[in-house]
C-alpha atoms as a PDB file:
ATOM      1  CA  UNK A   1       3.813   2.895  -9.375  1.00  0.00           C
ATOM      2  CA  UNK A   2       4.774   3.828  -5.815  1.00  0.00           C
ATOM      3  CA  UNK A   3       4.081   0.254  -4.781  1.00  0.00           C
ATOM      4  CA  UNK A   4       6.617  -0.795  -7.406  1.00  0.00           C
ATOM      5  CA  UNK A   5       9.315   1.195  -5.633  1.00  0.00           C
ATOM      6  CA  UNK A   6       8.266  -0.115  -2.236  1.00  0.00           C
ATOM      7  CA  UNK A   7       8.252  -3.693  -3.550  1.00  0.00           C
ATOM      8  CA  UNK A   8      11.627  -3.010  -5.155  1.00  0.00           C
ATOM      9  CA  UNK A   9      13.117  -2.302  -1.738  1.00  0.00           C
ATOM     10  CA  UNK A  10      13.365  -6.048  -1.187  1.00  0.00           C
ATOM     11  CA  UNK A  11      16.059  -6.037  -3.883  1.00  0.00           C
ATOM     12  CA  UNK A  12      18.066  -3.311  -2.193  1.00  0.00           C
ATOM     13  CA  UNK A  13      21.228  -4.971  -0.855  1.00  0.00           C
ATOM     14  CA  UNK A  14      21.120  -6.179   2.704  1.00  0.00           C
ATOM     15  CA  UNK A  15      22.977  -4.059   5.196  1.00  0.00           C
ATOM     16  CA  UNK A  16      26.658  -4.790   5.853  1.00  0.00           C
ATOM     17  CA  UNK A  17      27.230  -6.761   9.048  1.00  0.00           C
ATOM     18  CA  UNK A  18      28.835  -3.863  10.901  1.00  0.00           C
ATOM     19  CA  UNK A  19      25.996  -1.490  10.016  1.00  0.00           C
ATOM     20  CA  UNK A  20      23.421  -4.084  11.091  1.00  0.00           C
ATOM     21  CA  UNK A  21      25.222  -4.492  14.411  1.00  0.00           C
ATOM     22  CA  UNK A  22      25.257  -0.734  14.998  1.00  0.00           C
ATOM     23  CA  UNK A  23      21.587  -0.407  14.124  1.00  0.00           C
ATOM     24  CA  UNK A  24      20.766  -3.249  16.512  1.00  0.00           C
ATOM     25  CA  UNK A  25      22.220  -1.126  19.316  1.00  0.00           C
ATOM     26  CA  UNK A  26      19.605   1.540  18.561  1.00  0.00           C
ATOM     27  CA  UNK A  27      16.943  -1.015  19.440  1.00  0.00           C
ATOM     28  CA  UNK A  28      18.682  -2.270  22.576  1.00  0.00           C
ATOM     29  CA  UNK A  29      18.239  -0.170  25.699  1.00  0.00           C
ATOM     30  CA  UNK A  30      20.744  -2.402  27.499  1.00  0.00           C
ATOM     31  CA  UNK A  31      23.559  -1.831  25.021  1.00  0.00           C
ATOM     32  CA  UNK A  32      26.703  -0.250  26.382  1.00  0.00           C
ATOM     33  CA  UNK A  33      29.858   1.541  25.294  1.00  0.00           C
ATOM     34  CA  UNK A  34      31.709  -1.767  25.628  1.00  0.00           C
ATOM     35  CA  UNK A  35      29.380  -3.381  23.069  1.00  0.00           C
ATOM     36  CA  UNK A  36      29.969  -0.538  20.624  1.00  0.00           C
ATOM     37  CA  UNK A  37      33.718  -0.492  21.197  1.00  0.00           C
ATOM     38  CA  UNK A  38      33.900  -4.205  20.391  1.00  0.00           C
ATOM     39  CA  UNK A  39      32.132  -3.632  17.054  1.00  0.00           C
ATOM     40  CA  UNK A  40      34.457  -0.763  16.165  1.00  0.00           C
ATOM     41  CA  UNK A  41      37.657  -2.581  17.069  1.00  0.00           C
ATOM     42  CA  UNK A  42      36.675  -5.557  14.912  1.00  0.00           C
ATOM     43  CA  UNK A  43      36.518  -3.332  11.822  1.00  0.00           C
ATOM     44  CA  UNK A  44      39.760  -1.559  10.928  1.00  0.00           C
ATOM     45  CA  UNK A  45      38.141   0.839   8.448  1.00  0.00           C
ATOM     46  CA  UNK A  46      35.518   1.903  10.972  1.00  0.00           C
ATOM     47  CA  UNK A  47      38.159   2.335  13.680  1.00  0.00           C
ATOM     48  CA  UNK A  48      40.127   4.661  11.410  1.00  0.00           C
ATOM     49  CA  UNK A  49      37.006   6.622  10.517  1.00  0.00           C
ATOM     50  CA  UNK A  50      35.958   7.039  14.153  1.00  0.00           C
ATOM     51  CA  UNK A  51      39.382   8.422  15.052  1.00  0.00           C
ATOM     52  CA  UNK A  52      39.368  10.735  12.022  1.00  0.00           C
ATOM     53  CA  UNK A  53      35.970  12.158  12.981  1.00  0.00           C
ATOM     54  CA  UNK A  54      36.867  12.448  16.671  1.00  0.00           C
ATOM     55  CA  UNK A  55      39.917  14.514  15.699  1.00  0.00           C
ATOM     56  CA  UNK A  56      38.028  16.681  13.193  1.00  0.00           C
ATOM     57  CA  UNK A  57      37.093  20.341  13.613  1.00  0.00           C
ATOM     58  CA  UNK A  58      33.524  19.271  14.356  1.00  0.00           C
ATOM     59  CA  UNK A  59      34.555  18.481  17.941  1.00  0.00           C
ATOM     60  CA  UNK A  60      37.546  20.761  18.265  1.00  0.00           C
ATOM     61  CA  UNK A  61      39.555  18.853  20.884  1.00  0.00           C
ATOM     62  CA  UNK A  62      42.872  20.484  21.742  1.00  0.00           C
ATOM     63  CA  UNK A  63      44.698  17.171  22.062  1.00  0.00           C
ATOM     64  CA  UNK A  64      44.714  14.387  19.518  1.00  0.00           C
ATOM     65  CA  UNK A  65      42.632  11.311  20.302  1.00  0.00           C
ATOM     66  CA  UNK A  66      44.727   8.250  19.502  1.00  0.00           C
ATOM     67  CA  UNK A  67      42.574   5.285  20.510  1.00  0.00           C
ATOM     68  CA  UNK A  68      38.974   4.163  20.084  1.00  0.00           C
ATOM     69  CA  UNK A  69      38.676   3.735  23.848  1.00  0.00           C
ATOM     70  CA  UNK A  70      39.713   7.349  24.368  1.00  0.00           C
ATOM     71  CA  UNK A  71      37.258   8.496  21.676  1.00  0.00           C
ATOM     72  CA  UNK A  72      34.399   6.709  23.433  1.00  0.00           C
ATOM     73  CA  UNK A  73      35.381   8.245  26.761  1.00  0.00           C
ATOM     74  CA  UNK A  74      35.771  11.727  25.301  1.00  0.00           C
ATOM     75  CA  UNK A  75      32.613  11.818  23.203  1.00  0.00           C
ATOM     76  CA  UNK A  76      30.292   9.417  24.979  1.00  0.00           C
ATOM     77  CA  UNK A  77      28.469   6.319  23.872  1.00  0.00           C
ATOM     78  CA  UNK A  78      25.613   7.921  21.964  1.00  0.00           C
ATOM     79  CA  UNK A  79      27.850  10.353  20.075  1.00  0.00           C
ATOM     80  CA  UNK A  80      30.242   7.600  18.991  1.00  0.00           C
ATOM     81  CA  UNK A  81      27.254   5.480  17.990  1.00  0.00           C
ATOM     82  CA  UNK A  82      26.074   8.319  15.746  1.00  0.00           C
ATOM     83  CA  UNK A  83      29.524   8.591  14.196  1.00  0.00           C
ATOM     84  CA  UNK A  84      29.578   4.860  13.519  1.00  0.00           C
ATOM     85  CA  UNK A  85      26.087   4.966  12.059  1.00  0.00           C
ATOM     86  CA  UNK A  86      26.949   7.860   9.771  1.00  0.00           C
ATOM     87  CA  UNK A  87      30.285   6.395   8.687  1.00  0.00           C
ATOM     88  CA  UNK A  88      28.868   2.928   8.015  1.00  0.00           C
ATOM     89  CA  UNK A  89      25.772   4.188   6.225  1.00  0.00           C
ATOM     90  CA  UNK A  90      27.691   6.601   4.031  1.00  0.00           C
ATOM     91  CA  UNK A  91      30.228   3.902   3.297  1.00  0.00           C
ATOM     92  CA  UNK A  92      27.424   1.555   2.247  1.00  0.00           C
ATOM     93  CA  UNK A  93      25.712   4.231   0.101  1.00  0.00           C
ATOM     94  CA  UNK A  94      28.823   6.143  -0.898  1.00  0.00           C
ATOM     95  CA  UNK A  95      28.460   8.963  -3.459  1.00  0.00           C
ATOM     96  CA  UNK A  96      31.133   7.391  -5.681  1.00  0.00           C
ATOM     97  CA  UNK A  97      28.682   4.584  -6.499  1.00  0.00           C
ATOM     98  CA  UNK A  98      25.933   6.965  -7.661  1.00  0.00           C
ATOM     99  CA  UNK A  99      25.267   8.063 -11.229  1.00  0.00           C
ATOM    100  CA  UNK A 100      25.354  11.697 -10.061  1.00  0.00           C
ATOM    101  CA  UNK A 101      28.132  11.723  -7.487  1.00  0.00           C
ATOM    102  CA  UNK A 102      27.963  15.459  -6.806  1.00  0.00           C
ATOM    103  CA  UNK A 103      24.224  15.355  -6.118  1.00  0.00           C
ATOM    104  CA  UNK A 104      24.750  12.395  -3.762  1.00  0.00           C
ATOM    105  CA  UNK A 105      27.488  14.234  -1.883  1.00  0.00           C
ATOM    106  CA  UNK A 106      25.275  17.299  -1.484  1.00  0.00           C
ATOM    107  CA  UNK A 107      22.362  15.143  -0.319  1.00  0.00           C
ATOM    108  CA  UNK A 108      24.517  13.654   2.438  1.00  0.00           C
ATOM    109  CA  UNK A 109      25.720  17.152   3.404  1.00  0.00           C
ATOM    110  CA  UNK A 110      22.083  18.232   3.631  1.00  0.00           C
ATOM    111  CA  UNK A 111      21.305  15.198   5.802  1.00  0.00           C
ATOM    112  CA  UNK A 112      24.163  15.959   8.187  1.00  0.00           C
ATOM    113  CA  UNK A 113      23.032  19.573   8.403  1.00  0.00           C
ATOM    114  CA  UNK A 114      19.475  18.494   9.206  1.00  0.00           C
ATOM    115  CA  UNK A 115      20.873  16.200  11.897  1.00  0.00           C
ATOM    116  CA  UNK A 116      22.756  19.101  13.460  1.00  0.00           C
ATOM    117  CA  UNK A 117      19.721  21.398  13.143  1.00  0.00           C
ATOM    118  CA  UNK A 118      17.329  18.824  14.616  1.00  0.00           C
ATOM    119  CA  UNK A 119      19.699  18.386  17.548  1.00  0.00           C
ATOM    120  CA  UNK A 120      19.555  22.152  18.176  1.00  0.00           C
ATOM    121  CA  UNK A 121      15.761  22.225  17.876  1.00  0.00           C
ATOM    122  CA  UNK A 122      15.348  19.260  20.211  1.00  0.00           C
ATOM    123  CA  UNK A 123      17.583  20.847  22.821  1.00  0.00           C
ATOM    124  CA  UNK A 124      16.000  24.293  22.513  1.00  0.00           C
ATOM    125  CA  UNK A 125      12.385  23.137  22.744  1.00  0.00           C
ATOM    126  CA  UNK A 126      13.073  20.063  24.894  1.00  0.00           C
ATOM    127  CA  UNK A 127      10.787  18.128  22.568  1.00  0.00           C
ATOM    128  CA  UNK A 128      13.366  15.424  21.903  1.00  0.00           C
ATOM    129  CA  UNK A 129      16.758  14.346  23.187  1.00  0.00           C
ATOM    130  CA  UNK A 130      19.796  15.521  21.263  1.00  0.00           C
ATOM    131  CA  UNK A 131      21.216  12.224  20.039  1.00  0.00           C
ATOM    132  CA  UNK A 132      17.970  10.682  18.732  1.00  0.00           C
ATOM    133  CA  UNK A 133      17.252  14.002  17.020  1.00  0.00           C
ATOM    134  CA  UNK A 134      20.598  13.946  15.232  1.00  0.00           C
ATOM    135  CA  UNK A 135      20.134  10.329  14.171  1.00  0.00           C
ATOM    136  CA  UNK A 136      16.605  10.984  12.881  1.00  0.00           C
ATOM    137  CA  UNK A 137      17.799  14.050  10.995  1.00  0.00           C
ATOM    138  CA  UNK A 138      20.686  12.159   9.442  1.00  0.00           C
ATOM    139  CA  UNK A 139      18.352   9.419   8.186  1.00  0.00           C
ATOM    140  CA  UNK A 140      15.300  11.520   7.290  1.00  0.00           C
ATOM    141  CA  UNK A 141      15.949  11.559   3.511  1.00  0.00           C
ATOM    142  CA  UNK A 142      17.135   7.974   3.216  1.00  0.00           C
ATOM    143  CA  UNK A 143      14.292   7.374   0.766  1.00  0.00           C
ATOM    144  CA  UNK A 144      15.880   9.906  -1.586  1.00  0.00           C
ATOM    145  CA  UNK A 145      19.311   8.353  -1.140  1.00  0.00           C
ATOM    146  CA  UNK A 146      18.060   4.893  -2.038  1.00  0.00           C
ATOM    147  CA  UNK A 147      16.067   6.214  -5.010  1.00  0.00           C
ATOM    148  CA  UNK A 148      19.171   7.983  -6.315  1.00  0.00           C
ATOM    149  CA  UNK A 149      21.276   4.858  -5.798  1.00  0.00           C
ATOM    150  CA  UNK A 150      18.975   2.190  -7.208  1.00  0.00           C
ATOM    151  CA  UNK A 151      16.371   4.050  -9.314  1.00  0.00           C
ATOM    152  CA  UNK A 152      18.370   6.869 -10.988  1.00  0.00           C
ATOM    153  CA  UNK A 153      16.248   6.845 -14.149  1.00  0.00           C
ATOM    154  CA  UNK A 154      13.139   7.613 -12.102  1.00  0.00           C
ATOM    155  CA  UNK A 155      14.903  10.443 -10.303  1.00  0.00           C
ATOM    156  CA  UNK A 156      15.823  11.873 -13.712  1.00  0.00           C
ATOM    157  CA  UNK A 157      12.175  11.553 -14.796  1.00  0.00           C
ATOM    158  CA  UNK A 158      11.125  13.480 -11.698  1.00  0.00           C
ATOM    159  CA  UNK A 159      13.514  16.321 -12.491  1.00  0.00           C
ATOM    160  CA  UNK A 160      12.443  16.408 -16.144  1.00  0.00           C
ATOM    161  CA  UNK A 161       8.766  16.525 -15.182  1.00  0.00           C
ATOM    162  CA  UNK A 162       9.322  19.456 -12.828  1.00  0.00           C
ATOM    163  CA  UNK A 163      10.929  21.462 -15.619  1.00  0.00           C
ATOM    164  CA  UNK A 164       8.623  20.376 -18.429  1.00  0.00           C
ATOM    165  CA  UNK A 165       5.355  20.903 -16.533  1.00  0.00           C
ATOM    166  CA  UNK A 166       6.556  23.652 -14.164  1.00  0.00           C
ATOM    167  CA  UNK A 167       5.614  21.508 -11.162  1.00  0.00           C
ATOM    168  CA  UNK A 168       6.789  21.745  -7.582  1.00  0.00           C
ATOM    169  CA  UNK A 169       8.853  18.877  -6.242  1.00  0.00           C
ATOM    170  CA  UNK A 170       5.885  17.574  -4.240  1.00  0.00           C
ATOM    171  CA  UNK A 171       3.575  17.836  -7.262  1.00  0.00           C
ATOM    172  CA  UNK A 172       6.042  15.906  -9.413  1.00  0.00           C
ATOM    173  CA  UNK A 173       6.384  13.214  -6.756  1.00  0.00           C
ATOM    174  CA  UNK A 174       2.616  12.861  -6.638  1.00  0.00           C
ATOM    175  CA  UNK A 175       2.309  12.734 -10.427  1.00  0.00           C
ATOM    176  CA  UNK A 176       4.821   9.874 -10.572  1.00  0.00           C
ATOM    177  CA  UNK A 177       3.630   8.136  -7.381  1.00  0.00           C
ATOM    178  CA  UNK A 178       7.150   8.644  -6.095  1.00  0.00           C
ATOM    179  CA  UNK A 179       6.859   9.807  -2.485  1.00  0.00           C
ATOM    180  CA  UNK A 180      10.360   9.617  -0.998  1.00  0.00           C
ATOM    181  CA  UNK A 181       8.908   9.728   2.502  1.00  0.00           C
ATOM    182  CA  UNK A 182       6.756   6.628   2.109  1.00  0.00           C
ATOM    183  CA  UNK A 183       9.589   4.853   0.334  1.00  0.00           C
ATOM    184  CA  UNK A 184      11.906   5.795   3.200  1.00  0.00           C
ATOM    185  CA  UNK A 185       9.386   4.522   5.743  1.00  0.00           C
ATOM    186  CA  UNK A 186       9.106   1.204   3.894  1.00  0.00           C
ATOM    187  CA  UNK A 187      12.894   1.025   3.780  1.00  0.00           C
ATOM    188  CA  UNK A 188      13.119   1.640   7.517  1.00  0.00           C
ATOM    189  CA  UNK A 189      10.680  -1.196   8.145  1.00  0.00           C
ATOM    190  CA  UNK A 190      12.537  -3.455   5.696  1.00  0.00           C
ATOM    191  CA  UNK A 191      15.810  -2.834   7.516  1.00  0.00           C
ATOM    192  CA  UNK A 192      14.127  -3.110  10.931  1.00  0.00           C
ATOM    193  CA  UNK A 193      15.073   0.414  12.002  1.00  0.00           C
ATOM    194  CA  UNK A 194      13.564   1.698  15.257  1.00  0.00           C
ATOM    195  CA  UNK A 195       9.941   2.751  14.604  1.00  0.00           C
ATOM    196  CA  UNK A 196      10.599   6.385  15.514  1.00  0.00           C
ATOM    197  CA  UNK A 197      13.184   6.602  12.724  1.00  0.00           C
ATOM    198  CA  UNK A 198      10.899   4.956  10.160  1.00  0.00           C
ATOM    199  CA  UNK A 199       8.113   7.363  11.130  1.00  0.00           C
ATOM    200  CA  UNK A 200      10.432  10.357  10.793  1.00  0.00           C
ATOM    201  CA  UNK A 201      11.568   9.194   7.366  1.00  0.00           C
ATOM    202  CA  UNK A 202       7.941   8.790   6.318  1.00  0.00           C
ATOM    203  CA  UNK A 203       6.353  11.964   7.649  1.00  0.00           C
ATOM    204  CA  UNK A 204       8.984  14.702   8.084  1.00  0.00           C
ATOM    205  CA  UNK A 205       7.135  16.715   5.418  1.00  0.00           C
ATOM    206  CA  UNK A 206       3.585  15.414   5.896  1.00  0.00           C
ATOM    207  CA  UNK A 207       3.691  15.796   9.662  1.00  0.00           C
ATOM    208  CA  UNK A 208       0.502  15.733  11.754  1.00  0.00           C
ATOM    209  CA  UNK A 209      -0.273  15.536  15.457  1.00  0.00           C
ATOM    210  CA  UNK A 210      -1.553  11.967  15.227  1.00  0.00           C
ATOM    211  CA  UNK A 211       1.955  10.598  14.783  1.00  0.00           C
ATOM    212  CA  UNK A 212       3.228   8.323  17.544  1.00  0.00           C
ATOM    213  CA  UNK A 213       6.592  10.123  17.664  1.00  0.00           C
ATOM    214  CA  UNK A 214       5.367  13.616  16.789  1.00  0.00           C
ATOM    215  CA  UNK A 215       7.972  15.533  18.911  1.00  0.00           C
ATOM    216  CA  UNK A 216      10.906  13.807  17.212  1.00  0.00           C
ATOM    217  CA  UNK A 217       9.396  14.191  13.737  1.00  0.00           C
ATOM    218  CA  UNK A 218       8.688  17.844  14.551  1.00  0.00           C
ATOM    219  CA  UNK A 219      12.329  18.459  15.517  1.00  0.00           C
ATOM    220  CA  UNK A 220      13.420  17.047  12.150  1.00  0.00           C
ATOM    221  CA  UNK A 221      10.690  18.984  10.294  1.00  0.00           C
ATOM    222  CA  UNK A 222      12.033  22.242  11.738  1.00  0.00           C
ATOM    223  CA  UNK A 223      15.618  21.072  11.266  1.00  0.00           C
ATOM    224  CA  UNK A 224      14.963  20.409   7.585  1.00  0.00           C
ATOM    225  CA  UNK A 225      13.473  23.892   7.231  1.00  0.00           C
ATOM    226  CA  UNK A 226      16.495  25.529   8.896  1.00  0.00           C
ATOM    227  CA  UNK A 227      18.997  23.473   6.890  1.00  0.00           C
ATOM    228  CA  UNK A 228      17.345  24.280   3.579  1.00  0.00           C
ATOM    229  CA  UNK A 229      17.099  27.943   4.532  1.00  0.00           C
ATOM    230  CA  UNK A 230      20.822  27.978   5.202  1.00  0.00           C
ATOM    231  CA  UNK A 231      21.515  26.284   1.873  1.00  0.00           C
ATOM    232  CA  UNK A 232      24.171  23.885   3.115  1.00  0.00           C
ATOM    233  CA  UNK A 233      24.059  20.826   0.900  1.00  0.00           C
ATOM    234  CA  UNK A 234      21.045  20.145  -1.289  1.00  0.00           C
ATOM    235  CA  UNK A 235      18.074  17.857  -0.729  1.00  0.00           C
ATOM    236  CA  UNK A 236      17.226  17.685  -4.431  1.00  0.00           C
ATOM    237  CA  UNK A 237      14.092  19.735  -3.760  1.00  0.00           C
ATOM    238  CA  UNK A 238      14.387  23.250  -5.264  1.00  0.00           C
ATOM    239  CA  UNK A 239      11.100  24.508  -3.771  1.00  0.00           C
ATOM    240  CA  UNK A 240      11.244  27.168  -1.015  1.00  0.00           C
ATOM    241  CA  UNK A 241      11.303  25.525   2.440  1.00  0.00           C
ATOM    242  CA  UNK A 242       8.075  25.662   4.439  1.00  0.00           C
ATOM    243  CA  UNK A 243       7.265  24.952   8.039  1.00  0.00           C
ATOM    244  CA  UNK A 244       3.839  23.907   9.290  1.00  0.00           C
ATOM    245  CA  UNK A 245       2.089  26.169  11.789  1.00  0.00           C
ATOM    246  CA  UNK A 246       0.954  23.201  13.861  1.00  0.00           C
ATOM    247  CA  UNK A 247       4.600  22.333  14.473  1.00  0.00           C
ATOM    248  CA  UNK A 248       5.455  25.863  15.590  1.00  0.00           C
ATOM    249  CA  UNK A 249       2.414  25.889  17.878  1.00  0.00           C
ATOM    250  CA  UNK A 250       3.154  22.506  19.446  1.00  0.00           C
ATOM    251  CA  UNK A 251       6.843  23.273  19.970  1.00  0.00           C
ATOM    252  CA  UNK A 252       6.189  26.819  21.164  1.00  0.00           C
ATOM    253  CA  UNK A 253       8.418  28.355  18.502  1.00  0.00           C
ATOM    254  CA  UNK A 254       8.009  31.814  16.992  1.00  0.00           C
ATOM    255  CA  UNK A 255       9.876  33.633  14.226  1.00  0.00           C
ATOM    256  CA  UNK A 256      12.428  35.337  16.543  1.00  0.00           C
ATOM    257  CA  UNK A 257      13.313  31.920  18.015  1.00  0.00           C
ATOM    258  CA  UNK A 258      13.644  30.432  14.533  1.00  0.00           C
ATOM    259  CA  UNK A 259      16.035  33.230  13.624  1.00  0.00           C
ATOM    260  CA  UNK A 260      18.127  32.533  16.712  1.00  0.00           C
ATOM    261  CA  UNK A 261      18.224  28.823  15.903  1.00  0.00           C
ATOM    262  CA  UNK A 262      19.254  29.683  12.360  1.00  0.00           C
ATOM    263  CA  UNK A 263      22.081  31.883  13.657  1.00  0.00           C
ATOM    264  CA  UNK A 264      23.281  29.120  15.974  1.00  0.00           C
ATOM    265  CA  UNK A 265      23.173  26.591  13.154  1.00  0.00           C
ATOM    266  CA  UNK A 266      25.183  28.937  10.964  1.00  0.00           C
ATOM    267  CA  UNK A 267      27.948  29.065  13.583  1.00  0.00           C
ATOM    268  CA  UNK A 268      28.240  25.283  13.073  1.00  0.00           C
ATOM    269  CA  UNK A 269      28.576  25.550   9.286  1.00  0.00           C
ATOM    270  CA  UNK A 270      32.321  24.920   9.039  1.00  0.00           C
ATOM    271  CA  UNK A 271      32.185  22.142  11.625  1.00  0.00           C
ATOM    272  CA  UNK A 272      29.404  20.348   9.720  1.00  0.00           C
ATOM    273  CA  UNK A 273      31.311  20.713   6.450  1.00  0.00           C
ATOM    274  CA  UNK A 274      34.400  19.276   8.126  1.00  0.00           C
ATOM    275  CA  UNK A 275      32.413  16.318   9.447  1.00  0.00           C
ATOM    276  CA  UNK A 276      30.927  15.736   5.975  1.00  0.00           C
ATOM    277  CA  UNK A 277      34.365  15.840   4.365  1.00  0.00           C
ATOM    278  CA  UNK A 278      35.678  13.320   6.865  1.00  0.00           C
ATOM    279  CA  UNK A 279      32.744  10.945   6.447  1.00  0.00           C
ATOM    280  CA  UNK A 280      32.147  11.224   2.703  1.00  0.00           C
ATOM    281  CA  UNK A 281      35.057  12.804   0.900  1.00  0.00           C
ATOM    282  CA  UNK A 282      37.914  10.862   2.461  1.00  0.00           C
END
């Protein structure tokens, strides 16, 4: 059955032009702030969203940012690119189009929180750069998002099976051949996302040291653990969060460090909620 979902990805709508253009910048090492600014200025809705996010509590600037050019200068190319990616993706897969709008909103809040947590983990352990870590964290559960958007009956079947058979989320996924990671990986390949993002989407739970982009996937694996521990948003998985020992060993993390990262993430709670409200609720 899993192959049915993966084959069904071909029927998922193609990406909007603006989102495709932004994603193409992720694959282009020669792209510049000028390239991104041109994309933003050609889309009035995206321009408004970028300014709204730049002026949100997430960044906390004392003076209002009035132009896209100023936003790019103030936040930097990679940060604005992340804003554009988040705004365009959430606009494309907006919770209002889902059968369960509340669950979709909470899933996006979880994804933003994982992005923020992965950024912290990457910076703390120096295993991955901050901006790629945030992007990978934001996209890590895209398989779940697409399943909820285009296969809601199967998501309902998954939930029913967990209750009826007292299964864990992972056990129910296996019973239905419905692995959101593999579906996300196939989606990333279908949309021609950078390979490190597709790998993160595929293996953020089933992580192993043979992965090509292990450090980045590891940052998201820990970020997902921290985000679920904090309980901000909801991934749709009610099982207690777990973290693999091999990840802790490879990143040099221990329990006291995890607690400190958790405390730091918690100080960002209101800022992340504000960013989520700006991107999704408005």
